[in-house]
N, C-alpha and C. Protein backbone atom coordinates (compact mmCIF):
# COMPACT_ATOMS: atom_id res chain seq x y z
N UNK A 1 0.85 -1.20 0.00
CA UNK A 1 0.00 0.00 0.00
C UNK A 1 0.89 1.25 0.00
N UNK A 2 0.64 2.13 -0.98
CA UNK A 2 1.35 3.41 -1.01
C UNK A 2 0.44 4.42 -0.31
N UNK A 3 0.79 4.83 0.90
CA UNK A 3 -0.09 5.69 1.71
C UNK A 3 -0.10 7.13 1.25
N UNK A 4 1.04 7.61 0.73
CA UNK A 4 1.09 8.98 0.21
C UNK A 4 2.27 9.12 -0.74
N UNK A 5 2.22 10.17 -1.57
CA UNK A 5 3.39 10.53 -2.38
C UNK A 5 3.74 11.97 -2.06
N UNK A 6 5.02 12.25 -2.00
CA UNK A 6 5.49 13.59 -1.67
C UNK A 6 6.64 13.94 -2.60
N UNK A 7 6.50 15.06 -3.30
CA UNK A 7 7.57 15.46 -4.23
C UNK A 7 7.14 16.68 -5.03
N UNK A 8 7.87 16.92 -6.10
CA UNK A 8 7.58 18.09 -6.94
C UNK A 8 6.55 17.74 -8.00
N UNK A 9 5.61 18.63 -8.23
CA UNK A 9 4.60 18.42 -9.27
C UNK A 9 5.27 18.63 -10.63
N UNK A 10 5.39 17.53 -11.40
CA UNK A 10 6.10 17.58 -12.68
C UNK A 10 5.16 17.84 -13.86
N UNK A 11 3.88 17.46 -13.72
CA UNK A 11 2.91 17.67 -14.81
C UNK A 11 1.50 17.65 -14.25
N UNK A 12 0.60 18.38 -14.94
CA UNK A 12 -0.80 18.41 -14.55
C UNK A 12 -1.66 18.19 -15.79
N UNK A 13 -2.72 17.39 -15.64
CA UNK A 13 -3.69 17.15 -16.70
C UNK A 13 -5.08 17.33 -16.11
N UNK A 14 -6.15 17.31 -16.92
CA UNK A 14 -7.49 17.53 -16.38
C UNK A 14 -7.91 16.55 -15.29
N UNK A 15 -7.37 15.31 -15.32
CA UNK A 15 -7.80 14.34 -14.32
C UNK A 15 -6.63 13.64 -13.60
N UNK A 16 -5.42 14.17 -13.76
CA UNK A 16 -4.27 13.50 -13.15
C UNK A 16 -3.11 14.48 -12.94
N UNK A 17 -2.19 14.06 -12.07
CA UNK A 17 -0.96 14.82 -11.85
C UNK A 17 0.20 13.84 -11.86
N UNK A 18 1.38 14.35 -12.21
CA UNK A 18 2.60 13.53 -12.09
C UNK A 18 3.46 14.17 -11.02
N UNK A 19 3.75 13.39 -9.98
CA UNK A 19 4.58 13.88 -8.88
C UNK A 19 5.93 13.16 -8.94
N UNK A 20 7.01 13.94 -8.99
CA UNK A 20 8.34 13.34 -9.06
C UNK A 20 8.79 12.95 -7.66
N UNK A 21 8.98 11.65 -7.47
CA UNK A 21 9.38 11.12 -6.16
C UNK A 21 10.70 10.37 -6.33
N UNK A 22 11.78 10.95 -5.83
CA UNK A 22 13.09 10.30 -5.94
C UNK A 22 13.49 9.99 -7.36
N UNK A 23 13.21 10.92 -8.28
CA UNK A 23 13.60 10.72 -9.67
C UNK A 23 12.62 9.90 -10.49
N UNK A 24 11.52 9.46 -9.87
CA UNK A 24 10.50 8.68 -10.58
C UNK A 24 9.22 9.49 -10.65
N UNK A 25 8.61 9.57 -11.83
CA UNK A 25 7.35 10.29 -11.99
C UNK A 25 6.17 9.39 -11.66
N UNK A 26 5.47 9.70 -10.59
CA UNK A 26 4.30 8.91 -10.18
C UNK A 26 3.03 9.56 -10.75
N UNK A 27 2.32 8.85 -11.64
CA UNK A 27 1.06 9.36 -12.18
C UNK A 27 -0.05 9.09 -11.16
N UNK A 28 -0.77 10.14 -10.79
CA UNK A 28 -1.80 10.04 -9.75
C UNK A 28 -3.12 10.59 -10.28
N UNK A 29 -4.17 9.76 -10.28
CA UNK A 29 -5.50 10.21 -10.70
C UNK A 29 -6.10 11.08 -9.60
N UNK A 30 -6.59 12.27 -9.95
CA UNK A 30 -7.10 13.20 -8.94
C UNK A 30 -8.42 13.84 -9.37
N UNK A 31 -9.19 14.31 -8.40
CA UNK A 31 -10.40 15.07 -8.69
C UNK A 31 -9.99 16.52 -9.02
N UNK A 32 -10.86 17.28 -9.70
CA UNK A 32 -10.54 18.69 -9.98
C UNK A 32 -10.24 19.47 -8.70
N UNK A 33 -10.94 19.14 -7.62
CA UNK A 33 -10.71 19.83 -6.35
C UNK A 33 -9.28 19.62 -5.86
N UNK A 34 -8.79 18.39 -5.96
CA UNK A 34 -7.41 18.09 -5.56
C UNK A 34 -6.42 18.77 -6.50
N UNK A 35 -6.69 18.68 -7.81
CA UNK A 35 -5.79 19.29 -8.79
C UNK A 35 -5.66 20.80 -8.60
N UNK A 36 -6.76 21.42 -8.15
CA UNK A 36 -6.73 22.88 -7.98
C UNK A 36 -5.79 23.32 -6.86
N UNK A 37 -5.37 22.38 -6.01
CA UNK A 37 -4.44 22.72 -4.91
C UNK A 37 -2.98 22.57 -5.35
N UNK A 38 -2.76 22.00 -6.54
CA UNK A 38 -1.39 21.72 -6.99
C UNK A 38 -0.88 22.79 -7.96
N UNK A 39 0.42 23.01 -7.94
CA UNK A 39 1.05 23.97 -8.85
C UNK A 39 2.28 23.33 -9.49
N UNK A 40 2.44 23.52 -10.78
CA UNK A 40 3.60 22.98 -11.50
C UNK A 40 4.90 23.45 -10.86
N UNK A 41 5.82 22.51 -10.65
CA UNK A 41 7.13 22.86 -10.11
C UNK A 41 7.16 23.08 -8.61
N UNK A 42 6.00 22.98 -7.96
CA UNK A 42 5.93 23.20 -6.51
C UNK A 42 5.86 21.86 -5.77
N UNK A 43 6.33 21.82 -4.51
CA UNK A 43 6.23 20.57 -3.75
C UNK A 43 4.78 20.26 -3.40
N UNK A 44 4.45 18.98 -3.33
CA UNK A 44 3.09 18.55 -2.98
C UNK A 44 3.15 17.24 -2.22
N UNK A 45 2.15 17.04 -1.39
CA UNK A 45 2.01 15.76 -0.69
C UNK A 45 0.55 15.34 -0.81
N UNK A 46 0.33 14.17 -1.40
CA UNK A 46 -1.02 13.67 -1.61
C UNK A 46 -1.21 12.33 -0.90
N UNK A 47 -2.31 12.21 -0.16
CA UNK A 47 -2.69 10.90 0.37
C UNK A 47 -3.10 10.06 -0.83
N UNK A 48 -2.75 8.77 -0.86
CA UNK A 48 -3.02 7.96 -2.05
C UNK A 48 -3.66 6.62 -1.71
N UNK A 49 -4.33 6.09 -2.73
CA UNK A 49 -4.91 4.75 -2.64
C UNK A 49 -4.54 4.01 -3.91
N UNK A 50 -3.92 2.86 -3.78
CA UNK A 50 -3.48 2.07 -4.93
C UNK A 50 -4.55 1.04 -5.27
N UNK A 51 -5.06 1.11 -6.50
CA UNK A 51 -6.07 0.15 -6.95
C UNK A 51 -5.40 -0.84 -7.89
N UNK A 52 -5.41 -2.10 -7.50
CA UNK A 52 -4.72 -3.15 -8.26
C UNK A 52 -5.72 -3.95 -9.08
N UNK A 53 -5.50 -4.02 -10.38
CA UNK A 53 -6.30 -4.85 -11.28
C UNK A 53 -5.36 -5.82 -11.98
N UNK A 54 -5.93 -6.83 -12.64
CA UNK A 54 -5.10 -7.81 -13.35
C UNK A 54 -4.17 -7.14 -14.35
N UNK A 55 -4.72 -6.11 -15.04
CA UNK A 55 -3.95 -5.49 -16.12
C UNK A 55 -3.44 -4.09 -15.80
N UNK A 56 -3.62 -3.63 -14.56
CA UNK A 56 -3.17 -2.26 -14.26
C UNK A 56 -2.98 -2.01 -12.77
N UNK A 57 -2.13 -1.04 -12.49
CA UNK A 57 -1.96 -0.50 -11.14
C UNK A 57 -2.25 0.99 -11.25
N UNK A 58 -3.29 1.46 -10.56
CA UNK A 58 -3.66 2.87 -10.66
C UNK A 58 -3.61 3.52 -9.29
N UNK A 59 -2.90 4.66 -9.24
CA UNK A 59 -2.76 5.40 -7.99
C UNK A 59 -3.73 6.58 -8.01
N UNK A 60 -4.57 6.66 -6.98
CA UNK A 60 -5.52 7.77 -6.84
C UNK A 60 -5.02 8.69 -5.72
N UNK A 61 -5.07 10.00 -5.97
CA UNK A 61 -4.52 10.95 -5.00
C UNK A 61 -5.58 11.86 -4.41
N UNK A 62 -5.38 12.27 -3.15
CA UNK A 62 -6.37 13.05 -2.41
C UNK A 62 -5.70 14.14 -1.59
N UNK A 63 -6.49 15.19 -1.31
CA UNK A 63 -6.00 16.32 -0.52
C UNK A 63 -5.57 15.87 0.87
N UNK A 64 -6.34 14.94 1.46
CA UNK A 64 -6.03 14.50 2.83
C UNK A 64 -6.49 13.06 3.06
N UNK A 65 -6.18 12.54 4.26
CA UNK A 65 -6.51 11.15 4.59
C UNK A 65 -8.02 10.93 4.65
N UNK A 66 -8.77 11.96 5.06
CA UNK A 66 -10.22 11.82 5.17
C UNK A 66 -10.83 11.55 3.79
N UNK A 67 -10.38 12.30 2.80
CA UNK A 67 -10.91 12.10 1.44
C UNK A 67 -10.55 10.70 0.93
N UNK A 68 -9.32 10.26 1.21
CA UNK A 68 -8.92 8.91 0.79
C UNK A 68 -9.76 7.84 1.48
N UNK A 69 -10.02 8.02 2.77
CA UNK A 69 -10.79 7.03 3.53
C UNK A 69 -12.21 6.92 2.97
N UNK A 70 -12.82 8.07 2.65
CA UNK A 70 -14.18 8.06 2.08
C UNK A 70 -14.16 7.37 0.71
N UNK A 71 -13.13 7.65 -0.09
CA UNK A 71 -12.96 7.01 -1.40
C UNK A 71 -12.96 5.48 -1.25
N UNK A 72 -12.23 4.99 -0.26
CA UNK A 72 -12.13 3.54 -0.05
C UNK A 72 -13.43 2.97 0.51
N UNK A 73 -14.09 3.72 1.40
CA UNK A 73 -15.36 3.25 1.97
C UNK A 73 -16.46 3.19 0.91
N UNK A 74 -16.47 4.17 0.01
CA UNK A 74 -17.49 4.18 -1.05
C UNK A 74 -17.42 2.90 -1.89
N UNK A 75 -16.20 2.39 -2.07
CA UNK A 75 -16.03 1.18 -2.90
C UNK A 75 -16.49 -0.10 -2.21
N UNK A 76 -16.85 -0.01 -0.93
CA UNK A 76 -17.37 -1.21 -0.25
C UNK A 76 -18.83 -1.44 -0.64
N UNK A 77 -19.46 -0.44 -1.28
CA UNK A 77 -20.83 -0.61 -1.77
C UNK A 77 -20.79 -1.34 -3.11
N UNK A 78 -21.75 -2.23 -3.33
CA UNK A 78 -21.74 -3.00 -4.57
C UNK A 78 -21.96 -2.07 -5.77
N UNK A 79 -21.20 -2.33 -6.82
CA UNK A 79 -21.33 -1.53 -8.03
C UNK A 79 -20.51 -0.25 -8.04
N UNK A 80 -19.81 0.03 -6.94
CA UNK A 80 -18.99 1.25 -6.90
C UNK A 80 -17.52 0.88 -7.07
N UNK A 81 -16.96 1.27 -8.20
CA UNK A 81 -15.54 1.07 -8.44
C UNK A 81 -14.79 2.37 -8.18
N UNK A 82 -13.49 2.38 -8.39
CA UNK A 82 -12.70 3.59 -8.11
C UNK A 82 -13.12 4.80 -8.94
N UNK A 83 -13.52 4.60 -10.19
CA UNK A 83 -13.90 5.73 -11.04
C UNK A 83 -15.17 6.41 -10.53
N UNK A 84 -16.16 5.59 -10.14
CA UNK A 84 -17.40 6.17 -9.63
C UNK A 84 -17.17 6.83 -8.27
N UNK A 85 -16.35 6.19 -7.43
CA UNK A 85 -16.03 6.77 -6.12
C UNK A 85 -15.35 8.13 -6.30
N UNK A 86 -14.45 8.21 -7.29
CA UNK A 86 -13.76 9.48 -7.56
C UNK A 86 -14.74 10.52 -8.11
N UNK A 87 -15.67 10.08 -8.96
CA UNK A 87 -16.68 11.00 -9.50
C UNK A 87 -17.53 11.58 -8.37
N UNK A 88 -17.85 10.74 -7.37
CA UNK A 88 -18.65 11.20 -6.23
C UNK A 88 -17.89 12.27 -5.45
N UNK A 89 -16.57 12.08 -5.31
CA UNK A 89 -15.76 13.07 -4.59
C UNK A 89 -15.44 14.30 -5.44
N UNK A 90 -15.62 14.18 -6.76
CA UNK A 90 -15.44 15.35 -7.62
C UNK A 90 -16.63 16.30 -7.48
N UNK A 91 -17.80 15.72 -7.17
CA UNK A 91 -19.02 16.53 -7.05
C UNK A 91 -19.25 16.99 -5.61
N UNK A 92 -18.94 16.13 -4.64
CA UNK A 92 -19.21 16.44 -3.23
C UNK A 92 -17.97 16.25 -2.36
N UNK A 93 -17.85 17.07 -1.35
CA UNK A 93 -16.78 16.88 -0.35
C UNK A 93 -17.11 15.65 0.48
N UNK A 94 -16.12 15.07 1.20
CA UNK A 94 -16.42 13.93 2.06
C UNK A 94 -17.58 14.20 3.03
N UNK A 95 -17.58 15.40 3.61
CA UNK A 95 -18.65 15.73 4.56
C UNK A 95 -20.01 15.84 3.89
N UNK A 96 -20.03 16.41 2.68
CA UNK A 96 -21.29 16.53 1.94
C UNK A 96 -21.84 15.14 1.62
N UNK A 97 -20.95 14.19 1.32
CA UNK A 97 -21.39 12.82 1.07
C UNK A 97 -21.92 12.17 2.34
N UNK A 98 -21.21 12.39 3.46
CA UNK A 98 -21.70 11.84 4.73
C UNK A 98 -23.09 12.39 5.04
N UNK A 99 -23.24 13.69 4.81
CA UNK A 99 -24.52 14.35 5.11
C UNK A 99 -25.63 13.80 4.21
N UNK A 100 -25.29 13.61 2.91
CA UNK A 100 -26.28 13.09 1.96
C UNK A 100 -26.75 11.70 2.38
N UNK A 101 -25.81 10.86 2.80
CA UNK A 101 -26.15 9.50 3.22
C UNK A 101 -26.93 9.52 4.54
N UNK A 102 -26.47 10.37 5.47
CA UNK A 102 -27.13 10.44 6.79
C UNK A 102 -28.57 10.95 6.67
N UNK A 103 -28.83 11.85 5.71
CA UNK A 103 -30.17 12.43 5.58
C UNK A 103 -30.99 11.78 4.47
N UNK A 104 -30.40 10.76 3.80
CA UNK A 104 -31.12 10.08 2.72
C UNK A 104 -31.38 10.97 1.51
N UNK A 105 -30.42 11.84 1.21
CA UNK A 105 -30.58 12.82 0.13
C UNK A 105 -30.27 12.20 -1.23
N UNK A 106 -31.31 11.67 -1.88
CA UNK A 106 -31.15 11.03 -3.19
C UNK A 106 -30.61 12.01 -4.23
N UNK A 107 -31.16 13.24 -4.22
CA UNK A 107 -30.80 14.22 -5.24
C UNK A 107 -29.30 14.49 -5.27
N UNK A 108 -28.69 14.51 -4.08
CA UNK A 108 -27.24 14.77 -4.02
C UNK A 108 -26.46 13.69 -4.75
N UNK A 109 -26.90 12.43 -4.61
CA UNK A 109 -26.19 11.34 -5.27
C UNK A 109 -26.49 11.31 -6.77
N UNK A 110 -27.74 11.65 -7.14
CA UNK A 110 -28.11 11.65 -8.55
C UNK A 110 -27.33 12.74 -9.31
N UNK A 111 -26.86 13.76 -8.59
CA UNK A 111 -26.05 14.82 -9.21
C UNK A 111 -24.72 14.30 -9.73
N UNK A 112 -24.32 13.10 -9.28
CA UNK A 112 -23.05 12.51 -9.72
C UNK A 112 -23.26 11.79 -11.05
N UNK A 113 -22.44 12.09 -12.09
CA UNK A 113 -22.58 11.39 -13.37
C UNK A 113 -22.44 9.88 -13.16
N UNK A 114 -23.36 9.11 -13.72
CA UNK A 114 -23.29 7.65 -13.60
C UNK A 114 -24.16 7.07 -12.50
N UNK A 115 -24.83 7.93 -11.72
CA UNK A 115 -25.73 7.44 -10.68
C UNK A 115 -27.16 7.88 -11.00
N UNK A 116 -28.04 6.90 -11.16
CA UNK A 116 -29.46 7.18 -11.41
C UNK A 116 -30.26 7.05 -10.12
N UNK A 117 -31.58 7.16 -10.23
CA UNK A 117 -32.45 7.13 -9.05
C UNK A 117 -32.33 5.81 -8.29
N UNK A 118 -32.40 4.68 -9.02
CA UNK A 118 -32.32 3.37 -8.35
C UNK A 118 -30.95 3.17 -7.71
N UNK A 119 -29.91 3.57 -8.44
CA UNK A 119 -28.55 3.44 -7.91
C UNK A 119 -28.37 4.26 -6.64
N UNK A 120 -28.95 5.48 -6.64
CA UNK A 120 -28.84 6.35 -5.47
C UNK A 120 -29.54 5.72 -4.26
N UNK A 121 -30.72 5.15 -4.48
CA UNK A 121 -31.46 4.51 -3.38
C UNK A 121 -30.67 3.34 -2.80
N UNK A 122 -30.07 2.56 -3.70
CA UNK A 122 -29.28 1.40 -3.27
C UNK A 122 -28.05 1.85 -2.47
N UNK A 123 -27.38 2.90 -2.97
CA UNK A 123 -26.19 3.41 -2.28
C UNK A 123 -26.54 3.95 -0.89
N UNK A 124 -27.65 4.65 -0.78
CA UNK A 124 -28.05 5.20 0.52
C UNK A 124 -28.24 4.08 1.54
N UNK A 125 -28.83 2.97 1.08
CA UNK A 125 -29.04 1.82 1.98
C UNK A 125 -27.70 1.19 2.39
N UNK A 126 -26.84 0.97 1.38
CA UNK A 126 -25.58 0.26 1.64
C UNK A 126 -24.58 1.08 2.45
N UNK A 127 -24.58 2.40 2.23
CA UNK A 127 -23.55 3.24 2.87
C UNK A 127 -23.98 3.81 4.21
N UNK A 128 -25.25 3.60 4.57
CA UNK A 128 -25.81 4.27 5.75
C UNK A 128 -24.93 4.15 7.00
N UNK A 129 -24.44 2.95 7.28
CA UNK A 129 -23.65 2.76 8.51
C UNK A 129 -22.14 2.73 8.27
N UNK A 130 -21.72 3.09 7.06
CA UNK A 130 -20.29 2.95 6.74
C UNK A 130 -19.52 4.27 6.75
N UNK A 131 -20.15 5.35 6.29
CA UNK A 131 -19.41 6.61 6.14
C UNK A 131 -19.26 7.38 7.45
N UNK A 132 -20.15 7.14 8.41
CA UNK A 132 -20.08 7.87 9.69
C UNK A 132 -20.80 9.20 9.61
N UNK A 133 -20.73 9.95 10.70
CA UNK A 133 -21.43 11.24 10.80
C UNK A 133 -20.60 12.35 10.16
N UNK A 134 -21.27 13.39 9.63
CA UNK A 134 -20.53 14.55 9.11
C UNK A 134 -19.66 15.16 10.20
N UNK A 135 -18.46 15.62 9.82
CA UNK A 135 -17.52 16.18 10.80
C UNK A 135 -17.75 17.67 10.98
N UNK A 136 -17.93 18.38 9.86
CA UNK A 136 -18.09 19.84 9.92
C UNK A 136 -19.51 20.26 10.27
N UNK A 137 -19.68 21.56 10.37
CA UNK A 137 -21.02 22.10 10.63
C UNK A 137 -21.89 21.87 9.41
N UNK A 138 -23.16 21.51 9.60
CA UNK A 138 -24.01 21.22 8.45
C UNK A 138 -24.29 22.47 7.61
N UNK A 139 -23.88 22.42 6.37
CA UNK A 139 -24.23 23.48 5.43
C UNK A 139 -25.46 22.97 4.70
N UNK A 140 -26.53 23.72 4.69
CA UNK A 140 -27.80 23.21 4.16
C UNK A 140 -27.62 22.83 2.70
N UNK A 141 -27.53 21.52 2.48
CA UNK A 141 -27.41 20.98 1.12
C UNK A 141 -26.35 21.64 0.27
N UNK A 142 -25.23 22.02 0.86
CA UNK A 142 -24.22 22.74 0.09
C UNK A 142 -23.20 21.78 -0.50
N UNK A 143 -23.32 21.44 -1.78
CA UNK A 143 -22.32 20.59 -2.39
C UNK A 143 -21.03 21.38 -2.59
N UNK A 144 -19.95 20.67 -2.82
CA UNK A 144 -18.65 21.31 -3.00
C UNK A 144 -18.66 22.24 -4.22
N UNK A 145 -19.64 22.02 -5.10
CA UNK A 145 -19.66 22.74 -6.37
C UNK A 145 -20.20 24.16 -6.25
N UNK A 146 -20.59 24.62 -5.05
CA UNK A 146 -21.11 25.98 -4.95
C UNK A 146 -20.12 27.01 -5.47
N UNK A 147 -18.85 26.84 -5.17
CA UNK A 147 -17.84 27.79 -5.65
C UNK A 147 -17.17 27.28 -6.91
N UNK A 148 -17.98 26.83 -7.88
CA UNK A 148 -17.39 26.21 -9.08
C UNK A 148 -16.48 27.16 -9.83
N UNK A 149 -16.80 28.45 -9.84
CA UNK A 149 -15.96 29.41 -10.56
C UNK A 149 -14.54 29.45 -9.98
N UNK A 150 -14.48 29.53 -8.63
CA UNK A 150 -13.18 29.58 -7.96
C UNK A 150 -12.40 28.29 -8.19
N UNK A 151 -13.10 27.15 -8.06
CA UNK A 151 -12.44 25.85 -8.25
C UNK A 151 -11.90 25.72 -9.66
N UNK A 152 -12.74 26.08 -10.63
CA UNK A 152 -12.35 25.95 -12.03
C UNK A 152 -11.18 26.88 -12.35
N UNK A 153 -11.26 28.10 -11.86
CA UNK A 153 -10.20 29.09 -12.09
C UNK A 153 -8.88 28.59 -11.50
N UNK A 154 -8.95 28.09 -10.25
CA UNK A 154 -7.73 27.60 -9.58
C UNK A 154 -7.15 26.40 -10.32
N UNK A 155 -8.03 25.52 -10.83
CA UNK A 155 -7.56 24.34 -11.56
C UNK A 155 -6.84 24.76 -12.85
N UNK A 156 -7.39 25.75 -13.55
CA UNK A 156 -6.77 26.21 -14.81
C UNK A 156 -5.43 26.88 -14.55
N UNK A 157 -5.36 27.68 -13.49
CA UNK A 157 -4.09 28.32 -13.11
C UNK A 157 -3.07 27.23 -12.77
N UNK A 158 -3.53 26.20 -12.04
CA UNK A 158 -2.66 25.08 -11.66
C UNK A 158 -2.13 24.32 -12.87
N UNK A 159 -2.93 24.32 -13.96
CA UNK A 159 -2.50 23.65 -15.19
C UNK A 159 -1.55 24.50 -16.02
N UNK A 160 -1.28 25.73 -15.53
CA UNK A 160 -0.28 26.56 -16.20
C UNK A 160 -0.83 27.67 -17.09
N UNK A 161 -2.17 27.85 -17.08
CA UNK A 161 -2.76 28.93 -17.90
C UNK A 161 -2.62 30.27 -17.19
N UNK A 162 -2.56 31.33 -17.98
CA UNK A 162 -2.47 32.69 -17.43
C UNK A 162 -3.82 33.06 -16.82
N UNK A 163 -3.80 34.02 -15.88
CA UNK A 163 -5.03 34.46 -15.22
C UNK A 163 -6.06 34.92 -16.23
N UNK A 164 -5.63 35.69 -17.24
CA UNK A 164 -6.56 36.19 -18.26
C UNK A 164 -7.21 35.04 -19.02
N UNK A 165 -6.40 34.02 -19.38
CA UNK A 165 -6.94 32.86 -20.10
C UNK A 165 -7.95 32.11 -19.22
N UNK A 166 -7.61 31.96 -17.94
CA UNK A 166 -8.50 31.26 -17.01
C UNK A 166 -9.82 32.02 -16.87
N UNK A 167 -9.73 33.36 -16.75
CA UNK A 167 -10.94 34.19 -16.65
C UNK A 167 -11.85 33.98 -17.86
N UNK A 168 -11.24 34.02 -19.06
CA UNK A 168 -12.02 33.88 -20.30
C UNK A 168 -12.66 32.50 -20.39
N UNK A 169 -11.92 31.45 -19.99
CA UNK A 169 -12.44 30.09 -20.06
C UNK A 169 -13.60 29.89 -19.08
N UNK A 170 -13.48 30.47 -17.89
CA UNK A 170 -14.56 30.37 -16.89
C UNK A 170 -15.82 31.06 -17.43
N UNK A 171 -15.65 32.24 -18.04
CA UNK A 171 -16.79 32.97 -18.61
C UNK A 171 -17.43 32.16 -19.75
N UNK A 172 -16.57 31.48 -20.54
CA UNK A 172 -17.06 30.72 -21.70
C UNK A 172 -17.95 29.55 -21.28
N UNK A 173 -17.63 28.93 -20.14
CA UNK A 173 -18.43 27.75 -19.72
C UNK A 173 -19.53 28.11 -18.72
N UNK A 174 -19.64 29.40 -18.36
CA UNK A 174 -20.66 29.82 -17.39
C UNK A 174 -22.09 29.43 -17.84
N UNK A 175 -22.46 29.62 -19.12
CA UNK A 175 -23.82 29.23 -19.53
C UNK A 175 -24.08 27.73 -19.32
N UNK A 176 -23.05 26.90 -19.60
CA UNK A 176 -23.19 25.45 -19.39
C UNK A 176 -23.38 25.15 -17.92
N UNK A 177 -22.61 25.83 -17.06
CA UNK A 177 -22.71 25.61 -15.61
C UNK A 177 -24.09 25.98 -15.10
N UNK A 178 -24.62 27.10 -15.57
CA UNK A 178 -25.93 27.55 -15.11
C UNK A 178 -27.03 26.62 -15.60
N UNK A 179 -26.85 26.06 -16.80
CA UNK A 179 -27.84 25.13 -17.36
C UNK A 179 -27.86 23.82 -16.57
N UNK A 180 -26.70 23.42 -16.01
CA UNK A 180 -26.62 22.16 -15.26
C UNK A 180 -27.33 22.23 -13.92
N UNK A 181 -27.49 23.43 -13.37
CA UNK A 181 -28.12 23.55 -12.05
C UNK A 181 -27.12 23.22 -10.95
N UNK A 182 -26.60 21.98 -10.95
CA UNK A 182 -25.53 21.61 -10.03
C UNK A 182 -24.26 21.45 -10.86
N UNK A 183 -23.46 22.52 -10.97
CA UNK A 183 -22.29 22.45 -11.85
C UNK A 183 -21.30 21.37 -11.41
N UNK A 184 -20.81 20.61 -12.39
CA UNK A 184 -19.82 19.56 -12.10
C UNK A 184 -18.47 20.03 -12.62
N UNK A 185 -17.58 20.30 -11.67
CA UNK A 185 -16.31 20.95 -12.01
C UNK A 185 -15.49 20.13 -13.00
N UNK A 186 -15.50 18.81 -12.87
CA UNK A 186 -14.74 17.96 -13.78
C UNK A 186 -15.18 18.15 -15.22
N UNK A 187 -16.49 18.17 -15.44
CA UNK A 187 -17.04 18.34 -16.79
C UNK A 187 -16.74 19.75 -17.30
N UNK A 188 -16.89 20.73 -16.42
CA UNK A 188 -16.63 22.12 -16.81
C UNK A 188 -15.16 22.35 -17.16
N UNK A 189 -14.28 21.66 -16.41
CA UNK A 189 -12.84 21.79 -16.68
C UNK A 189 -12.51 21.29 -18.08
N UNK A 190 -13.12 20.15 -18.47
CA UNK A 190 -12.88 19.62 -19.82
C UNK A 190 -13.38 20.60 -20.87
N UNK A 191 -14.58 21.17 -20.63
CA UNK A 191 -15.14 22.14 -21.59
C UNK A 191 -14.27 23.39 -21.67
N UNK A 192 -13.77 23.85 -20.51
CA UNK A 192 -12.92 25.04 -20.47
C UNK A 192 -11.61 24.78 -21.25
N UNK A 193 -11.04 23.60 -21.08
CA UNK A 193 -9.80 23.26 -21.78
C UNK A 193 -10.01 23.23 -23.29
N UNK A 194 -11.21 22.74 -23.70
CA UNK A 194 -11.51 22.72 -25.14
C UNK A 194 -11.57 24.13 -25.70
N UNK A 195 -12.18 25.07 -24.96
CA UNK A 195 -12.26 26.45 -25.45
C UNK A 195 -10.86 27.07 -25.52
N UNK A 196 -10.00 26.75 -24.55
CA UNK A 196 -8.64 27.29 -24.55
C UNK A 196 -7.82 26.73 -25.70
N UNK A 197 -8.00 25.43 -25.99
CA UNK A 197 -7.27 24.81 -27.09
C UNK A 197 -7.68 25.40 -28.43
N UNK A 198 -8.99 25.72 -28.55
CA UNK A 198 -9.49 26.34 -29.81
C UNK A 198 -8.91 27.75 -29.99
N UNK A 199 -8.72 28.43 -28.84
CA UNK A 199 -8.25 29.82 -28.90
C UNK A 199 -6.77 29.92 -29.26
N UNK A 200 -6.05 28.83 -29.05
CA UNK A 200 -4.59 28.88 -29.27
C UNK A 200 -4.24 28.66 -30.74
């Protein structure tokens, strides 16, 4: 088990980072929220979870141990693999997920790409006694995506774009974010990158 990686951020992509550890580049799958905390060429320390498959070894990275623990607990529910667990953490903070499960909030889970009504009901039943109680003060149904503009802007700056470019990209995807109702930063980041690539 690789509990964490610590080193210089060598590369950033929309869904991953490369951290140089002792001369070796470790590719780490991350949520947009985690990526927004990283800066190219700067030191970073990420809590990690290694997912072993027959044909692959994939390292997932998190801001802290709490996020990693929730990622691992989510996978104890049937039908939840690492990608869906990561998608859930891309939309909601660990505490928001605990709150959603504790209060039986189907809508919060349906906001995650890949989870429908039946899947949400099943997850609420399976996770009820696994995630524990929310740690922070209850924010009334506040998903992590409330500050999507700030998150998206920080993620673009972290990927090496200039402030002006990041501002323009955030403005370009604002109509899509408003149309979604619950903006999903991962999806918006991909759309923002497409607009930036077209502009170059």
